[in-house]
Amino acid sequence: MVGIFQVGMKIPGPVFSLKERRKYANSLKDNLKNRFNISLREVPDDKILNSIEFTIAYVALDSGEIEKFQSSLYSILGESTLETLYVNREVI
């Protein structure tokens, strides 16, 4: 089974450059990759500087393992300085 998660995050306060946005995105990506064995890709939207969207793929043996990962993902996103806008999940 593969869990596909689309995560939208909002950066608090004003963001004036792509470099500043990348700093937030890379910090969160590194944190998630260090904690989990996942594939993660940022979905670029260079027109909106104060939001970030990621797509995450997590391979699991059963749906219980995906549920456990989702719970851990919510926990880590809650610890972030970024605001979570949405988390969409699809299981293949």
Foldseek 3Di string as FASTA:
>chain_A
DKKKKKWKWFAPDDDDAQVSLVVLVVVLVVVVVVVDVKDKDWDDDRVDSGMTMMIIMDDDPDVVVVVVVVVVVVVSVVVGNIHTPDMDIDDD
